[in-house]
Amino acid sequence: MKTFLVAAALAAGVLAGCSVAPEQPADVPSTNQPTLNQAPPSVDMRPVAIRIPSIGVNSHRSEWIALGIQGEEDVPVTPPGKAGQIEVPPISEPLKLGFYCPNGFPICGTPMPGQLGPTVVVGHVNGNGRDGIFAKLVKLRPGAEVEIDRQDGMTVKYKVTEVSEPLKANFPTEKVYGDTKTPTLRLITCGGGDNALQAVPGAGNSYKNQTIIYADMTELAKT
């Protein structure tokens, strides 16, 4: 089963804490958007904190938000995004982190930390004149440790396996959102490469590249 999760969007600019508004890729056809309504309830497994010691990241409960789909329910469309694409964290609050949860609770419809498949977390590299929560994400290297605390008092530990800095135009949708045989993690922000900017009509400038971190779960333990 694909875990594409609606617009492979998280990527493109979810993280445009680097531009006036985030840039996003084209929608993934609805036929590639299976639901996970049979998955375990997600509310107790929702992420509430993340720690990445090697780059000084240490978020807290109030800095996490569930991301829905633009144009659905009460989620507004954020230019230059379009209806049907993933919601993005507010650029005015660059320390906020978002995790993909299109169905809302109690069952998000996408993997939570520790569940089989890719958990997708996005954050800004900068925004509103300040560094974002993922300002140093590009400095991560394979072998680095990432810990995510869950609502249920458990901590999921991951080890970074790959750091990628693709052009937004070449976003690896299948690799990021496709099924995995074990619990995995994807951290996404903008920037990377040569940090070049490009003009986005009606939305200022945006980084051409983005940074994607791939990690595998290594342990599940009490927080």
N, C-alpha and C. Protein backbone atom coordinates (compact mmCIF):
# COMPACT_ATOMS: atom_id res chain seq x y z
N MET A 1 0.85 -1.20 0.00
CA MET A 1 0.00 0.00 0.00
C MET A 1 0.88 1.25 0.00
N LYS A 2 0.56 2.18 -0.81
CA LYS A 2 1.33 3.42 -0.86
C LYS A 2 0.96 4.30 0.33
N THR A 3 1.96 4.99 0.87
CA THR A 3 1.67 5.96 1.91
C THR A 3 2.02 7.32 1.38
N PHE A 4 1.73 7.54 0.13
CA PHE A 4 2.04 8.78 -0.53
C PHE A 4 1.51 9.97 0.20
N LEU A 5 0.43 9.84 0.77
CA LEU A 5 -0.13 10.92 1.51
C LEU A 5 -0.34 12.15 0.68
N VAL A 6 -1.36 12.26 0.12
CA VAL A 6 -1.78 13.41 -0.65
C VAL A 6 -0.63 14.17 -1.23
N ALA A 7 -0.65 15.35 -1.49
CA ALA A 7 0.39 16.04 -2.18
C ALA A 7 1.75 15.72 -1.68
N ALA A 8 2.57 15.31 -2.44
CA ALA A 8 3.92 14.95 -2.02
C ALA A 8 4.51 16.21 -1.61
N ALA A 9 3.82 16.92 -1.07
CA ALA A 9 4.10 18.24 -0.86
C ALA A 9 5.01 18.62 0.19
N LEU A 10 4.92 18.02 1.20
CA LEU A 10 5.71 18.41 2.32
C LEU A 10 6.96 18.95 1.81
N ALA A 11 7.30 18.60 0.84
CA ALA A 11 8.52 18.94 0.38
C ALA A 11 8.65 20.28 -0.06
N ALA A 12 8.21 20.59 -1.09
CA ALA A 12 8.63 21.76 -1.71
C ALA A 12 8.70 22.93 -0.87
N GLY A 13 7.93 23.30 -0.11
CA GLY A 13 8.30 24.48 0.50
C GLY A 13 7.82 24.49 1.83
N VAL A 14 7.26 23.47 2.17
CA VAL A 14 6.81 23.35 3.48
C VAL A 14 7.68 24.18 4.24
N LEU A 15 8.56 24.36 3.62
CA LEU A 15 9.63 24.85 4.31
C LEU A 15 10.14 26.04 3.67
N ALA A 16 9.34 26.80 3.34
CA ALA A 16 9.89 27.94 2.74
C ALA A 16 9.98 29.00 3.75
N GLY A 17 10.40 28.70 4.88
CA GLY A 17 10.60 29.72 5.87
C GLY A 17 11.63 30.55 5.25
N CYS A 18 11.79 30.41 4.01
CA CYS A 18 12.83 31.10 3.31
C CYS A 18 12.23 32.02 2.29
N SER A 19 10.97 32.04 2.13
CA SER A 19 10.36 32.92 1.15
C SER A 19 9.11 33.52 1.76
N VAL A 20 8.49 34.41 1.03
CA VAL A 20 7.28 35.03 1.54
C VAL A 20 6.21 33.98 1.78
N ALA A 21 6.16 33.00 0.92
CA ALA A 21 5.23 31.89 1.11
C ALA A 21 5.87 30.64 0.52
N PRO A 22 5.53 29.47 1.02
CA PRO A 22 6.17 28.24 0.57
C PRO A 22 5.79 27.84 -0.84
N GLU A 23 6.75 27.32 -1.53
CA GLU A 23 6.50 26.79 -2.87
C GLU A 23 6.22 25.31 -2.74
N GLN A 24 5.35 24.78 -3.55
CA GLN A 24 5.01 23.37 -3.45
C GLN A 24 4.92 22.75 -4.84
N PRO A 25 5.14 21.42 -4.93
CA PRO A 25 5.06 20.72 -6.21
C PRO A 25 3.63 20.41 -6.60
N ALA A 26 3.48 19.81 -7.76
CA ALA A 26 2.15 19.46 -8.25
C ALA A 26 1.53 18.38 -7.37
N ASP A 27 0.22 18.32 -7.38
CA ASP A 27 -0.48 17.33 -6.58
C ASP A 27 -0.19 15.92 -7.07
N VAL A 28 -0.26 14.97 -6.15
CA VAL A 28 -0.21 13.57 -6.51
C VAL A 28 -1.64 13.16 -6.84
N PRO A 29 -1.87 12.48 -7.96
CA PRO A 29 -3.23 12.09 -8.33
C PRO A 29 -3.93 11.37 -7.18
N SER A 30 -5.23 11.62 -7.05
CA SER A 30 -5.97 11.05 -5.94
C SER A 30 -5.95 9.53 -5.95
N THR A 31 -5.75 8.91 -7.10
CA THR A 31 -5.69 7.46 -7.17
C THR A 31 -4.48 6.92 -6.43
N ASN A 32 -3.51 7.77 -6.15
CA ASN A 32 -2.31 7.34 -5.42
C ASN A 32 -2.37 7.78 -3.96
N GLN A 33 -3.57 8.03 -3.47
CA GLN A 33 -3.71 8.55 -2.12
C GLN A 33 -4.58 7.61 -1.28
N PRO A 34 -4.11 6.41 -0.99
CA PRO A 34 -4.92 5.48 -0.20
C PRO A 34 -5.06 6.00 1.22
N THR A 35 -6.14 5.63 1.86
CA THR A 35 -6.31 6.00 3.26
C THR A 35 -5.78 4.88 4.13
N LEU A 36 -5.48 5.19 5.37
CA LEU A 36 -5.02 4.20 6.31
C LEU A 36 -6.03 4.12 7.46
N ASN A 37 -7.30 4.06 7.08
CA ASN A 37 -8.35 4.09 8.09
C ASN A 37 -8.35 2.85 8.98
N GLN A 38 -7.62 1.81 8.58
CA GLN A 38 -7.54 0.62 9.40
C GLN A 38 -6.34 0.66 10.33
N ALA A 39 -5.57 1.72 10.25
CA ALA A 39 -4.38 1.85 11.09
C ALA A 39 -4.78 2.07 12.54
N PRO A 40 -3.86 1.78 13.48
CA PRO A 40 -4.16 2.00 14.89
C PRO A 40 -4.45 3.47 15.16
N PRO A 41 -5.24 3.76 16.18
CA PRO A 41 -5.49 5.16 16.55
C PRO A 41 -4.19 5.92 16.72
N SER A 42 -4.17 7.17 16.25
CA SER A 42 -2.94 7.94 16.22
C SER A 42 -2.78 8.91 17.38
N VAL A 43 -3.86 9.26 18.04
CA VAL A 43 -3.81 10.37 18.99
C VAL A 43 -2.78 10.15 20.09
N ASP A 44 -2.66 8.90 20.59
CA ASP A 44 -1.70 8.64 21.66
C ASP A 44 -0.26 8.55 21.15
N MET A 45 -0.10 8.45 19.84
CA MET A 45 1.23 8.29 19.26
C MET A 45 1.72 9.58 18.59
N ARG A 46 0.97 10.64 18.75
CA ARG A 46 1.36 11.88 18.09
C ARG A 46 2.67 12.39 18.67
N PRO A 47 3.52 13.01 17.84
CA PRO A 47 4.79 13.54 18.33
C PRO A 47 4.58 14.80 19.17
N VAL A 48 5.34 14.91 20.25
CA VAL A 48 5.24 16.09 21.11
C VAL A 48 6.59 16.76 21.34
N ALA A 49 7.68 16.11 20.93
CA ALA A 49 9.00 16.72 21.09
C ALA A 49 9.99 16.02 20.18
N ILE A 50 11.02 16.72 19.77
CA ILE A 50 12.09 16.12 18.97
C ILE A 50 13.42 16.65 19.48
N ARG A 51 14.40 15.76 19.51
CA ARG A 51 15.76 16.13 19.89
C ARG A 51 16.75 15.63 18.85
N ILE A 52 17.60 16.54 18.39
CA ILE A 52 18.67 16.18 17.47
C ILE A 52 19.94 16.79 18.05
N PRO A 53 20.61 16.09 18.95
CA PRO A 53 21.74 16.65 19.69
C PRO A 53 22.84 17.24 18.82
N SER A 54 23.14 16.62 17.70
CA SER A 54 24.29 17.06 16.90
C SER A 54 24.09 18.43 16.27
N ILE A 55 22.83 18.91 16.17
CA ILE A 55 22.60 20.25 15.61
C ILE A 55 21.81 21.14 16.58
N GLY A 56 21.69 20.69 17.81
CA GLY A 56 21.08 21.54 18.84
C GLY A 56 19.58 21.73 18.75
N VAL A 57 18.86 20.80 18.14
CA VAL A 57 17.40 20.91 18.05
C VAL A 57 16.77 20.26 19.28
N ASN A 58 15.86 20.98 19.92
CA ASN A 58 15.15 20.46 21.09
C ASN A 58 13.81 21.17 21.16
N SER A 59 12.78 20.58 20.54
CA SER A 59 11.47 21.21 20.48
C SER A 59 10.61 20.77 21.66
N HIS A 60 9.49 21.45 21.82
CA HIS A 60 8.59 21.15 22.92
C HIS A 60 7.16 20.99 22.41
N ARG A 61 6.31 20.51 23.27
CA ARG A 61 4.93 20.18 22.91
C ARG A 61 4.20 21.31 22.17
N SER A 62 4.35 22.55 22.65
CA SER A 62 3.60 23.66 22.08
C SER A 62 4.06 24.02 20.67
N GLU A 63 5.17 23.45 20.23
CA GLU A 63 5.72 23.81 18.93
C GLU A 63 5.32 22.84 17.82
N TRP A 64 4.43 21.88 18.12
CA TRP A 64 4.02 20.88 17.13
C TRP A 64 2.58 21.13 16.68
N ILE A 65 2.36 20.99 15.38
CA ILE A 65 1.00 21.10 14.85
C ILE A 65 0.76 19.98 13.84
N ALA A 66 -0.49 19.51 13.79
CA ALA A 66 -0.88 18.50 12.81
C ALA A 66 -1.20 19.21 11.50
N LEU A 67 -0.71 18.68 10.39
CA LEU A 67 -0.91 19.29 9.08
C LEU A 67 -1.97 18.55 8.28
N GLY A 68 -2.94 19.31 7.78
CA GLY A 68 -3.98 18.74 6.95
C GLY A 68 -3.74 19.01 5.48
N ILE A 69 -4.82 19.15 4.73
CA ILE A 69 -4.74 19.37 3.29
C ILE A 69 -5.35 20.73 2.97
N GLN A 70 -4.64 21.55 2.21
CA GLN A 70 -5.13 22.87 1.85
C GLN A 70 -6.45 22.77 1.09
N GLY A 71 -7.38 23.61 1.50
CA GLY A 71 -8.67 23.64 0.80
C GLY A 71 -9.67 22.63 1.32
N GLU A 72 -9.29 21.81 2.30
CA GLU A 72 -10.21 20.83 2.88
C GLU A 72 -10.48 21.18 4.33
N GLU A 73 -11.69 20.85 4.80
CA GLU A 73 -12.10 21.17 6.15
C GLU A 73 -11.91 22.66 6.40
N ASP A 74 -11.19 23.03 7.43
CA ASP A 74 -10.97 24.44 7.74
C ASP A 74 -9.56 24.90 7.38
N VAL A 75 -8.89 24.17 6.52
CA VAL A 75 -7.51 24.51 6.16
C VAL A 75 -7.51 25.46 4.96
N PRO A 76 -6.99 26.66 5.12
CA PRO A 76 -6.97 27.62 4.01
C PRO A 76 -5.90 27.26 2.98
N VAL A 77 -6.04 27.80 1.80
CA VAL A 77 -5.02 27.64 0.76
C VAL A 77 -3.99 28.75 0.96
N THR A 78 -2.72 28.38 1.06
CA THR A 78 -1.64 29.34 1.28
C THR A 78 -0.86 29.52 -0.01
N PRO A 79 -1.01 30.64 -0.72
CA PRO A 79 -0.27 30.87 -1.96
C PRO A 79 1.24 30.76 -1.72
N PRO A 80 1.97 30.17 -2.68
CA PRO A 80 1.51 29.71 -3.98
C PRO A 80 1.02 28.27 -3.98
N GLY A 81 0.65 27.74 -2.82
CA GLY A 81 0.09 26.41 -2.76
C GLY A 81 -1.29 26.36 -3.40
N LYS A 82 -1.80 25.14 -3.57
CA LYS A 82 -3.10 24.96 -4.20
C LYS A 82 -3.94 24.01 -3.36
N ALA A 83 -5.24 24.04 -3.60
CA ALA A 83 -6.12 23.11 -2.93
C ALA A 83 -5.67 21.69 -3.24
N GLY A 84 -5.67 20.84 -2.24
CA GLY A 84 -5.25 19.46 -2.43
C GLY A 84 -3.81 19.22 -2.04
N GLN A 85 -3.07 20.29 -1.75
CA GLN A 85 -1.69 20.12 -1.31
C GLN A 85 -1.61 20.20 0.20
N ILE A 86 -0.52 19.71 0.74
CA ILE A 86 -0.38 19.66 2.20
C ILE A 86 -0.31 21.05 2.82
N GLU A 87 -0.89 21.16 3.96
CA GLU A 87 -0.81 22.39 4.74
C GLU A 87 0.64 22.61 5.17
N VAL A 88 1.01 23.85 5.46
CA VAL A 88 2.38 24.14 5.89
C VAL A 88 2.37 24.86 7.24
N PRO A 89 3.44 24.69 8.02
CA PRO A 89 3.52 25.44 9.28
C PRO A 89 3.53 26.94 8.98
N PRO A 90 3.02 27.77 9.87
CA PRO A 90 3.00 29.21 9.62
C PRO A 90 4.41 29.78 9.55
N ILE A 91 4.71 30.51 8.47
CA ILE A 91 6.04 31.06 8.30
C ILE A 91 6.34 32.14 9.33
N SER A 92 5.29 32.69 9.92
CA SER A 92 5.48 33.71 10.96
C SER A 92 5.97 33.10 12.27
N GLU A 93 5.91 31.77 12.37
CA GLU A 93 6.36 31.07 13.57
C GLU A 93 7.34 29.97 13.15
N PRO A 94 8.56 30.36 12.80
CA PRO A 94 9.51 29.40 12.20
C PRO A 94 10.01 28.31 13.14
N LEU A 95 9.66 28.38 14.42
CA LEU A 95 10.05 27.31 15.33
C LEU A 95 8.99 26.22 15.43
N LYS A 96 7.87 26.42 14.74
CA LYS A 96 6.82 25.40 14.72
C LYS A 96 7.24 24.23 13.83
N LEU A 97 6.86 23.03 14.24
CA LEU A 97 7.06 21.83 13.45
C LEU A 97 5.70 21.28 13.04
N GLY A 98 5.63 20.68 11.86
CA GLY A 98 4.38 20.09 11.42
C GLY A 98 4.57 18.61 11.14
N PHE A 99 3.58 17.80 11.47
CA PHE A 99 3.60 16.39 11.09
C PHE A 99 2.34 16.10 10.29
N TYR A 100 2.50 15.30 9.26
CA TYR A 100 1.40 15.07 8.33
C TYR A 100 0.31 14.22 8.96
N CYS A 101 -0.91 14.75 9.00
CA CYS A 101 -2.05 14.09 9.65
C CYS A 101 -3.32 14.48 8.91
N PRO A 102 -3.47 14.06 7.65
CA PRO A 102 -4.56 14.55 6.81
C PRO A 102 -5.96 14.20 7.27
N ASN A 103 -6.13 13.08 7.96
CA ASN A 103 -7.47 12.68 8.39
C ASN A 103 -7.84 13.26 9.74
N GLY A 104 -6.87 13.87 10.43
CA GLY A 104 -7.14 14.34 11.79
C GLY A 104 -7.22 13.17 12.75
N PHE A 105 -7.43 13.47 14.00
CA PHE A 105 -7.49 12.42 15.02
C PHE A 105 -8.92 11.93 15.19
N PRO A 106 -9.13 10.67 15.60
CA PRO A 106 -8.15 9.80 16.23
C PRO A 106 -7.26 9.01 15.28
N ILE A 107 -7.55 8.97 13.98
CA ILE A 107 -6.71 8.22 13.05
C ILE A 107 -6.21 9.16 11.97
N CYS A 108 -4.94 9.49 12.02
CA CYS A 108 -4.37 10.47 11.10
C CYS A 108 -4.46 10.05 9.63
N GLY A 109 -4.33 8.74 9.40
CA GLY A 109 -4.28 8.28 8.02
C GLY A 109 -2.87 8.18 7.49
N THR A 110 -1.89 8.49 8.31
CA THR A 110 -0.48 8.38 7.95
C THR A 110 0.29 7.88 9.18
N PRO A 111 1.47 7.32 8.97
CA PRO A 111 2.20 6.74 10.10
C PRO A 111 2.65 7.77 11.13
N MET A 112 2.41 7.47 12.39
CA MET A 112 2.94 8.24 13.49
C MET A 112 4.29 7.64 13.87
N PRO A 113 5.10 8.35 14.66
CA PRO A 113 6.42 7.81 15.04
C PRO A 113 6.32 6.41 15.65
N GLY A 114 7.09 5.50 15.12
CA GLY A 114 7.08 4.13 15.60
C GLY A 114 6.13 3.22 14.85
N GLN A 115 5.22 3.77 14.05
CA GLN A 115 4.34 2.95 13.23
C GLN A 115 5.05 2.59 11.93
N LEU A 116 4.63 1.48 11.35
CA LEU A 116 5.22 1.03 10.10
C LEU A 116 5.03 2.06 9.00
N GLY A 117 6.12 2.40 8.31
CA GLY A 117 6.05 3.37 7.23
C GLY A 117 6.76 4.66 7.57
N PRO A 118 6.74 5.64 6.66
CA PRO A 118 7.45 6.90 6.88
C PRO A 118 6.63 7.94 7.64
N THR A 119 7.15 8.38 8.78
CA THR A 119 6.59 9.52 9.49
C THR A 119 7.24 10.76 8.89
N VAL A 120 6.44 11.73 8.47
CA VAL A 120 6.96 12.91 7.79
C VAL A 120 6.81 14.15 8.68
N VAL A 121 7.93 14.80 8.95
CA VAL A 121 7.97 15.99 9.79
C VAL A 121 8.61 17.12 9.00
N VAL A 122 8.00 18.30 9.03
CA VAL A 122 8.52 19.42 8.26
C VAL A 122 8.68 20.65 9.14
N GLY A 123 9.66 21.46 8.81
CA GLY A 123 9.90 22.67 9.57
C GLY A 123 10.64 23.69 8.72
N HIS A 124 10.59 24.92 9.12
CA HIS A 124 11.23 26.00 8.37
C HIS A 124 12.72 26.10 8.66
N VAL A 125 13.47 26.51 7.65
CA VAL A 125 14.89 26.80 7.85
C VAL A 125 15.03 28.23 8.39
N ASN A 126 14.11 29.10 8.01
CA ASN A 126 14.05 30.46 8.55
C ASN A 126 12.68 31.04 8.24
N GLY A 127 12.40 32.19 8.79
CA GLY A 127 11.10 32.82 8.54
C GLY A 127 10.90 34.01 9.46
N ASN A 128 10.24 35.01 8.94
CA ASN A 128 9.94 36.19 9.74
C ASN A 128 11.21 36.82 10.31
N GLY A 129 12.30 36.72 9.53
CA GLY A 129 13.56 37.34 9.93
C GLY A 129 14.34 36.58 10.99
N ARG A 130 13.95 35.31 11.24
CA ARG A 130 14.63 34.52 12.28
C ARG A 130 15.00 33.15 11.74
N ASP A 131 15.98 32.52 12.40
CA ASP A 131 16.29 31.13 12.08
C ASP A 131 15.10 30.26 12.44
N GLY A 132 14.89 29.22 11.65
CA GLY A 132 13.82 28.28 11.93
C GLY A 132 14.32 27.08 12.73
N ILE A 133 13.39 26.21 13.11
CA ILE A 133 13.72 25.03 13.89
C ILE A 133 14.70 24.13 13.17
N PHE A 134 14.67 24.13 11.83
CA PHE A 134 15.56 23.29 11.05
C PHE A 134 16.65 24.09 10.34
N ALA A 135 17.08 25.17 10.95
CA ALA A 135 18.11 26.02 10.34
C ALA A 135 19.40 25.26 10.06
N LYS A 136 19.72 24.27 10.88
CA LYS A 136 20.98 23.54 10.72
C LYS A 136 20.77 22.11 10.24
N LEU A 137 19.57 21.81 9.74
CA LEU A 137 19.27 20.44 9.34
C LEU A 137 20.24 19.92 8.29
N VAL A 138 20.66 20.79 7.37
CA VAL A 138 21.55 20.38 6.29
C VAL A 138 22.90 19.90 6.81
N LYS A 139 23.23 20.22 8.06
CA LYS A 139 24.51 19.81 8.63
C LYS A 139 24.49 18.38 9.20
N LEU A 140 23.31 17.78 9.26
CA LEU A 140 23.23 16.41 9.75
C LEU A 140 24.00 15.47 8.83
N ARG A 141 24.50 14.39 9.41
CA ARG A 141 25.25 13.41 8.65
C ARG A 141 24.76 12.01 9.01
N PRO A 142 24.91 11.04 8.12
CA PRO A 142 24.52 9.67 8.44
C PRO A 142 25.15 9.21 9.75
N GLY A 143 24.33 8.54 10.54
CA GLY A 143 24.78 8.08 11.84
C GLY A 143 24.29 8.95 12.98
N ALA A 144 23.85 10.17 12.66
CA ALA A 144 23.34 11.07 13.70
C ALA A 144 22.07 10.50 14.31
N GLU A 145 21.83 10.81 15.57
CA GLU A 145 20.66 10.31 16.27
C GLU A 145 19.54 11.36 16.33
N VAL A 146 18.32 10.88 16.21
CA VAL A 146 17.13 11.72 16.32
C VAL A 146 16.17 11.01 17.28
N GLU A 147 15.61 11.75 18.22
CA GLU A 147 14.65 11.18 19.15
C GLU A 147 13.34 11.96 19.07
N ILE A 148 12.23 11.23 19.02
CA ILE A 148 10.92 11.87 19.02
C ILE A 148 10.11 11.31 20.18
N ASP A 149 9.64 12.20 21.06
CA ASP A 149 8.77 11.80 22.16
C ASP A 149 7.33 11.79 21.68
N ARG A 150 6.56 10.80 22.14
CA ARG A 150 5.15 10.69 21.78
C ARG A 150 4.24 11.04 22.95
N GLN A 151 3.00 11.29 22.61
CA GLN A 151 1.97 11.63 23.60
C GLN A 151 1.83 10.53 24.66
N ASP A 152 2.08 9.29 24.28
CA ASP A 152 1.86 8.16 25.19
C ASP A 152 3.03 7.90 26.14
N GLY A 153 4.02 8.79 26.17
CA GLY A 153 5.13 8.61 27.08
C GLY A 153 6.24 7.72 26.56
N MET A 154 6.21 7.42 25.28
CA MET A 154 7.26 6.63 24.66
C MET A 154 8.15 7.52 23.80
N THR A 155 9.40 7.10 23.66
CA THR A 155 10.35 7.83 22.80
C THR A 155 10.82 6.91 21.69
N VAL A 156 10.72 7.40 20.46
CA VAL A 156 11.18 6.65 19.29
C VAL A 156 12.55 7.19 18.90
N LYS A 157 13.52 6.30 18.83
CA LYS A 157 14.88 6.70 18.47
C LYS A 157 15.19 6.28 17.04
N TYR A 158 15.82 7.18 16.31
CA TYR A 158 16.15 6.93 14.92
C TYR A 158 17.64 7.20 14.67
N LYS A 159 18.15 6.59 13.61
CA LYS A 159 19.51 6.89 13.16
C LYS A 159 19.43 7.36 11.71
N VAL A 160 20.08 8.48 11.43
CA VAL A 160 20.08 9.04 10.08
C VAL A 160 20.84 8.12 9.13
N THR A 161 20.22 7.84 7.99
CA THR A 161 20.86 6.98 6.99
C THR A 161 21.28 7.74 5.74
N GLU A 162 20.63 8.88 5.50
CA GLU A 162 20.95 9.63 4.28
C GLU A 162 20.54 11.09 4.43
N VAL A 163 21.35 11.97 3.83
CA VAL A 163 21.04 13.39 3.75
C VAL A 163 21.00 13.76 2.28
N SER A 164 19.88 14.28 1.81
CA SER A 164 19.71 14.60 0.40
C SER A 164 19.34 16.07 0.23
N GLU A 165 19.81 16.68 -0.85
CA GLU A 165 19.53 18.10 -1.11
C GLU A 165 19.06 18.29 -2.56
N PRO A 166 17.94 17.68 -2.93
CA PRO A 166 17.47 17.74 -4.31
C PRO A 166 16.87 19.10 -4.68
N LEU A 167 16.83 19.36 -5.97
CA LEU A 167 16.08 20.50 -6.45
C LEU A 167 14.60 20.24 -6.18
N LYS A 168 13.85 21.28 -5.85
CA LYS A 168 12.43 21.10 -5.61
C LYS A 168 11.73 20.53 -6.84
N ALA A 169 12.24 20.92 -8.00
CA ALA A 169 11.63 20.44 -9.25
C ALA A 169 11.82 18.93 -9.43
N ASN A 170 12.79 18.35 -8.70
CA ASN A 170 13.07 16.92 -8.82
C ASN A 170 12.78 16.20 -7.51
N PHE A 171 11.77 16.64 -6.79
CA PHE A 171 11.46 16.06 -5.49
C PHE A 171 11.19 14.55 -5.61
N PRO A 172 11.87 13.73 -4.78
CA PRO A 172 11.74 12.26 -4.86
C PRO A 172 10.50 11.74 -4.14
N THR A 173 9.35 11.99 -4.71
CA THR A 173 8.07 11.63 -4.08
C THR A 173 8.02 10.19 -3.60
N GLU A 174 8.34 9.26 -4.48
CA GLU A 174 8.24 7.84 -4.14
C GLU A 174 9.16 7.48 -2.97
N LYS A 175 10.37 8.02 -3.00
CA LYS A 175 11.34 7.69 -1.96
C LYS A 175 10.94 8.26 -0.61
N VAL A 176 10.34 9.42 -0.61
CA VAL A 176 9.95 10.06 0.65
C VAL A 176 8.67 9.46 1.20
N TYR A 177 7.66 9.28 0.36
CA TYR A 177 6.34 8.90 0.83
C TYR A 177 5.97 7.45 0.61
N GLY A 178 6.81 6.72 -0.15
CA GLY A 178 6.48 5.33 -0.44
C GLY A 178 6.60 4.45 0.79
N ASP A 179 5.95 3.29 0.73
CA ASP A 179 5.97 2.35 1.85
C ASP A 179 7.38 1.93 2.22
N THR A 180 7.57 1.65 3.49
CA THR A 180 8.82 1.06 3.98
C THR A 180 8.48 -0.16 4.82
N LYS A 181 9.42 -1.08 4.94
CA LYS A 181 9.16 -2.33 5.66
C LYS A 181 9.32 -2.17 7.17
N THR A 182 9.85 -1.03 7.59
CA THR A 182 10.06 -0.75 9.01
C THR A 182 9.64 0.68 9.31
N PRO A 183 9.52 1.06 10.56
CA PRO A 183 9.22 2.46 10.89
C PRO A 183 10.39 3.36 10.48
N THR A 184 10.10 4.40 9.73
CA THR A 184 11.13 5.31 9.26
C THR A 184 10.70 6.76 9.50
N LEU A 185 11.64 7.66 9.26
CA LEU A 185 11.39 9.08 9.51
C LEU A 185 11.92 9.90 8.35
N ARG A 186 11.18 10.95 7.99
CA ARG A 186 11.62 11.91 6.98
C ARG A 186 11.52 13.31 7.60
N LEU A 187 12.62 14.03 7.60
CA LEU A 187 12.64 15.42 8.07
C LEU A 187 12.90 16.29 6.85
N ILE A 188 12.09 17.32 6.65
CA ILE A 188 12.18 18.12 5.43
C ILE A 188 12.19 19.61 5.73
N THR A 189 13.08 20.32 5.06
CA THR A 189 13.11 21.77 5.13
C THR A 189 13.59 22.29 3.79
N CYS A 190 13.67 23.60 3.63
CA CYS A 190 14.14 24.15 2.37
C CYS A 190 15.61 24.52 2.48
N GLY A 191 16.22 24.84 1.35
CA GLY A 191 17.64 25.15 1.33
C GLY A 191 18.44 23.91 0.99
N GLY A 192 19.74 24.04 1.06
CA GLY A 192 20.61 22.95 0.64
C GLY A 192 21.19 23.25 -0.73
N GLY A 193 21.99 22.35 -1.24
CA GLY A 193 22.63 22.61 -2.52
C GLY A 193 23.51 23.84 -2.41
N ASP A 194 23.36 24.76 -3.37
CA ASP A 194 24.13 26.00 -3.30
C ASP A 194 23.33 27.13 -2.66
N ASN A 195 22.17 26.78 -2.08
CA ASN A 195 21.29 27.76 -1.42
C ASN A 195 20.84 28.87 -2.35
N ALA A 196 20.76 28.58 -3.63
CA ALA A 196 20.30 29.56 -4.61
C ALA A 196 18.81 29.83 -4.42
N LEU A 197 18.40 31.07 -4.72
CA LEU A 197 17.01 31.47 -4.63
C LEU A 197 16.41 31.61 -6.03
N GLN A 198 15.11 31.47 -6.12
CA GLN A 198 14.40 31.71 -7.37
C GLN A 198 13.13 32.49 -7.06
N ALA A 199 12.73 33.32 -8.01
CA ALA A 199 11.52 34.11 -7.83
C ALA A 199 10.29 33.23 -8.03
N VAL A 200 9.32 33.38 -7.14
CA VAL A 200 8.06 32.67 -7.23
C VAL A 200 6.97 33.70 -7.44
N PRO A 201 6.31 33.73 -8.60
CA PRO A 201 5.30 34.74 -8.89
C PRO A 201 4.29 34.89 -7.75
N GLY A 202 4.18 36.11 -7.27
CA GLY A 202 3.21 36.40 -6.23
C GLY A 202 3.62 35.96 -4.84
N ALA A 203 4.84 35.44 -4.71
CA ALA A 203 5.22 34.93 -3.39
C ALA A 203 6.69 35.19 -3.06
N GLY A 204 7.30 36.15 -3.70
CA GLY A 204 8.68 36.49 -3.37
C GLY A 204 9.68 35.47 -3.85
N ASN A 205 10.74 35.27 -3.08
CA ASN A 205 11.79 34.33 -3.45
C ASN A 205 11.71 33.05 -2.62
N SER A 206 12.21 31.97 -3.20
CA SER A 206 12.20 30.68 -2.53
C SER A 206 13.47 29.93 -2.89
N TYR A 207 13.98 29.12 -1.97
CA TYR A 207 15.16 28.31 -2.28
C TYR A 207 14.84 27.31 -3.39
N LYS A 208 15.82 27.06 -4.25
CA LYS A 208 15.63 26.09 -5.33
C LYS A 208 15.70 24.65 -4.81
N ASN A 209 16.50 24.47 -3.77
CA ASN A 209 16.68 23.12 -3.23
C ASN A 209 15.95 22.95 -1.92
N GLN A 210 15.91 21.73 -1.44
CA GLN A 210 15.47 21.49 -0.10
C GLN A 210 16.29 20.35 0.48
N THR A 211 16.27 20.28 1.79
CA THR A 211 17.03 19.25 2.49
C THR A 211 16.07 18.19 3.01
N ILE A 212 16.40 16.93 2.73
CA ILE A 212 15.58 15.81 3.17
C ILE A 212 16.46 14.85 3.96
N ILE A 213 16.05 14.54 5.17
CA ILE A 213 16.77 13.60 6.01
C ILE A 213 15.99 12.29 6.07
N TYR A 214 16.68 11.20 5.81
CA TYR A 214 16.08 9.87 5.91
C TYR A 214 16.66 9.18 7.14
N ALA A 215 15.80 8.56 7.94
CA ALA A 215 16.28 7.89 9.15
C ALA A 215 15.46 6.64 9.42
N ASP A 216 16.09 5.65 10.06
CA ASP A 216 15.45 4.40 10.42
C ASP A 216 15.31 4.30 11.93
N MET A 217 14.21 3.70 12.39
CA MET A 217 14.02 3.52 13.83
C MET A 217 15.01 2.50 14.37
N THR A 218 15.58 2.81 15.53
CA THR A 218 16.52 1.90 16.16
C THR A 218 16.02 1.39 17.51
N GLU A 219 15.10 2.15 18.13
CA GLU A 219 14.65 1.75 19.47
C GLU A 219 13.35 2.46 19.82
N LEU A 220 12.54 1.75 20.61
CA LEU A 220 11.31 2.33 21.17
C LEU A 220 11.38 2.10 22.67
N ALA A 221 11.40 3.17 23.45
CA ALA A 221 11.56 3.05 24.89
C ALA A 221 10.73 4.09 25.62
N LYS A 222 10.55 3.90 26.91
CA LYS A 222 9.84 4.88 27.72
C LYS A 222 10.65 6.17 27.78
N THR A 223 9.94 7.29 27.70
CA THR A 223 10.61 8.60 27.73
C THR A 223 11.29 8.83 29.08
